[in-house]
Amino acid sequence: MGCYDVDTADFNTDGYTDIAYAQYHNGSAHSTSSYVYYGSASGYSRRTERA
């Protein structure tokens, strides 16, 4: 298992760059999570949103 892909963009159109991590399918289940970290004036969010 590992990170399948990473992308950066302004996903929520607030003017700050966000980061999305897409996790790799482990071969038997889709139970691995993917996350989005939202950018802001004070940095990236600590809380992650499941994508």
N, C-alpha and C. Protein backbone atom coordinates (compact mmCIF):
# COMPACT_ATOMS: atom_id res chain seq x y z
N MET A 1 0.83 -1.17 0.00
CA MET A 1 0.00 0.00 0.00
C MET A 1 0.87 1.24 0.00
N GLY A 2 0.36 2.30 -0.55
CA GLY A 2 1.06 3.56 -0.56
C GLY A 2 0.26 4.60 -1.28
N CYS A 3 0.78 5.77 -1.35
CA CYS A 3 0.09 6.87 -2.02
C CYS A 3 0.09 6.60 -3.52
N TYR A 4 -1.07 6.64 -4.11
CA TYR A 4 -1.21 6.39 -5.54
C TYR A 4 -0.94 7.65 -6.36
N ASP A 5 -1.45 8.79 -5.87
CA ASP A 5 -1.27 10.03 -6.61
C ASP A 5 -1.49 11.21 -5.67
N VAL A 6 -0.85 12.32 -6.00
CA VAL A 6 -1.00 13.57 -5.26
C VAL A 6 -1.28 14.66 -6.27
N ASP A 7 -2.20 15.54 -5.95
CA ASP A 7 -2.51 16.65 -6.84
C ASP A 7 -2.70 17.91 -6.02
N THR A 8 -2.36 19.03 -6.58
CA THR A 8 -2.58 20.31 -5.93
C THR A 8 -3.41 21.19 -6.87
N ALA A 9 -4.38 21.86 -6.29
CA ALA A 9 -5.24 22.78 -7.03
C ALA A 9 -6.07 23.54 -6.00
N ASP A 10 -6.79 24.51 -6.45
CA ASP A 10 -7.72 25.24 -5.58
C ASP A 10 -9.09 24.56 -5.70
N PHE A 11 -9.26 23.42 -5.05
CA PHE A 11 -10.46 22.60 -5.21
C PHE A 11 -11.73 23.29 -4.75
N ASN A 12 -11.64 24.09 -3.70
CA ASN A 12 -12.84 24.74 -3.17
C ASN A 12 -12.94 26.21 -3.59
N THR A 13 -12.16 26.64 -4.54
CA THR A 13 -12.17 27.98 -5.14
C THR A 13 -12.15 29.12 -4.13
N ASP A 14 -11.31 28.99 -3.09
CA ASP A 14 -11.19 30.06 -2.10
C ASP A 14 -9.93 30.90 -2.30
N GLY A 15 -9.15 30.59 -3.33
CA GLY A 15 -7.95 31.35 -3.63
C GLY A 15 -6.68 30.77 -3.04
N TYR A 16 -6.77 29.64 -2.35
CA TYR A 16 -5.61 28.99 -1.73
C TYR A 16 -5.42 27.59 -2.32
N THR A 17 -4.18 27.18 -2.47
CA THR A 17 -3.88 25.86 -3.02
C THR A 17 -4.21 24.78 -2.00
N ASP A 18 -4.89 23.73 -2.44
CA ASP A 18 -5.24 22.57 -1.63
C ASP A 18 -4.43 21.37 -2.12
N ILE A 19 -4.32 20.36 -1.28
CA ILE A 19 -3.56 19.15 -1.63
C ILE A 19 -4.47 17.93 -1.47
N ALA A 20 -4.51 17.08 -2.50
CA ALA A 20 -5.29 15.84 -2.44
C ALA A 20 -4.34 14.65 -2.55
N TYR A 21 -4.50 13.69 -1.65
CA TYR A 21 -3.73 12.44 -1.66
C TYR A 21 -4.67 11.31 -1.99
N ALA A 22 -4.43 10.63 -3.09
CA ALA A 22 -5.25 9.48 -3.48
C ALA A 22 -4.49 8.22 -3.07
N GLN A 23 -5.09 7.41 -2.24
CA GLN A 23 -4.45 6.19 -1.76
C GLN A 23 -4.65 5.04 -2.74
N TYR A 24 -3.70 4.16 -2.78
CA TYR A 24 -3.70 3.02 -3.67
C TYR A 24 -4.64 1.93 -3.16
N HIS A 25 -5.36 1.31 -4.05
CA HIS A 25 -6.20 0.16 -3.70
C HIS A 25 -5.30 -0.97 -3.23
N ASN A 26 -5.64 -1.59 -2.13
CA ASN A 26 -4.75 -2.59 -1.54
C ASN A 26 -4.86 -3.98 -2.16
N GLY A 27 -5.61 -4.12 -3.24
CA GLY A 27 -5.71 -5.40 -3.93
C GLY A 27 -6.90 -6.24 -3.55
N SER A 28 -7.49 -5.97 -2.38
CA SER A 28 -8.64 -6.77 -1.98
C SER A 28 -9.81 -5.93 -1.48
N ALA A 29 -9.59 -4.70 -1.14
CA ALA A 29 -10.67 -3.86 -0.61
C ALA A 29 -10.41 -2.40 -0.94
N HIS A 30 -11.47 -1.64 -0.96
CA HIS A 30 -11.38 -0.20 -1.18
C HIS A 30 -11.48 0.54 0.15
N SER A 31 -10.91 0.00 1.20
CA SER A 31 -11.05 0.58 2.53
C SER A 31 -9.95 1.58 2.87
N THR A 32 -9.01 1.81 1.98
CA THR A 32 -7.97 2.80 2.25
C THR A 32 -8.52 4.18 1.94
N SER A 33 -8.21 5.15 2.77
CA SER A 33 -8.77 6.48 2.65
C SER A 33 -7.93 7.39 1.76
N SER A 34 -8.60 8.34 1.15
CA SER A 34 -7.95 9.42 0.43
C SER A 34 -8.33 10.71 1.15
N TYR A 35 -7.44 11.71 1.08
CA TYR A 35 -7.65 12.91 1.87
C TYR A 35 -7.41 14.17 1.07
N VAL A 36 -8.08 15.26 1.50
CA VAL A 36 -7.85 16.59 0.96
C VAL A 36 -7.47 17.50 2.12
N TYR A 37 -6.37 18.22 1.97
CA TYR A 37 -5.96 19.23 2.94
C TYR A 37 -6.24 20.58 2.31
N TYR A 38 -7.07 21.38 2.97
CA TYR A 38 -7.47 22.66 2.41
C TYR A 38 -6.51 23.76 2.84
N GLY A 39 -6.05 24.56 1.87
CA GLY A 39 -5.17 25.67 2.15
C GLY A 39 -5.94 26.88 2.66
N SER A 40 -5.24 27.74 3.41
CA SER A 40 -5.83 28.97 3.91
C SER A 40 -4.72 29.98 4.15
N ALA A 41 -5.08 31.17 4.60
CA ALA A 41 -4.08 32.21 4.89
C ALA A 41 -3.15 31.78 6.01
N SER A 42 -3.60 30.90 6.89
CA SER A 42 -2.77 30.46 8.02
C SER A 42 -2.09 29.12 7.78
N GLY A 43 -2.21 28.56 6.57
CA GLY A 43 -1.56 27.28 6.24
C GLY A 43 -2.60 26.23 5.87
N TYR A 44 -2.20 24.99 5.95
CA TYR A 44 -3.11 23.89 5.58
C TYR A 44 -3.90 23.41 6.79
N SER A 45 -5.11 22.92 6.52
CA SER A 45 -5.99 22.44 7.58
C SER A 45 -5.37 21.22 8.26
N ARG A 46 -5.57 21.12 9.55
CA ARG A 46 -5.14 19.93 10.29
C ARG A 46 -6.12 18.80 10.06
N ARG A 47 -7.37 19.15 9.95
CA ARG A 47 -8.43 18.18 9.74
C ARG A 47 -8.43 17.76 8.28
N THR A 48 -8.57 16.51 8.02
CA THR A 48 -8.63 16.01 6.65
C THR A 48 -10.06 15.61 6.31
N GLU A 49 -10.38 15.77 5.08
CA GLU A 49 -11.70 15.37 4.59
C GLU A 49 -11.52 14.13 3.73
N ARG A 50 -12.34 13.17 3.94
CA ARG A 50 -12.27 11.96 3.11
C ARG A 50 -12.80 12.29 1.73
N ALA A 51 -12.05 11.94 0.73
CA ALA A 51 -12.45 12.25 -0.64
C ALA A 51 -13.30 11.15 -1.24
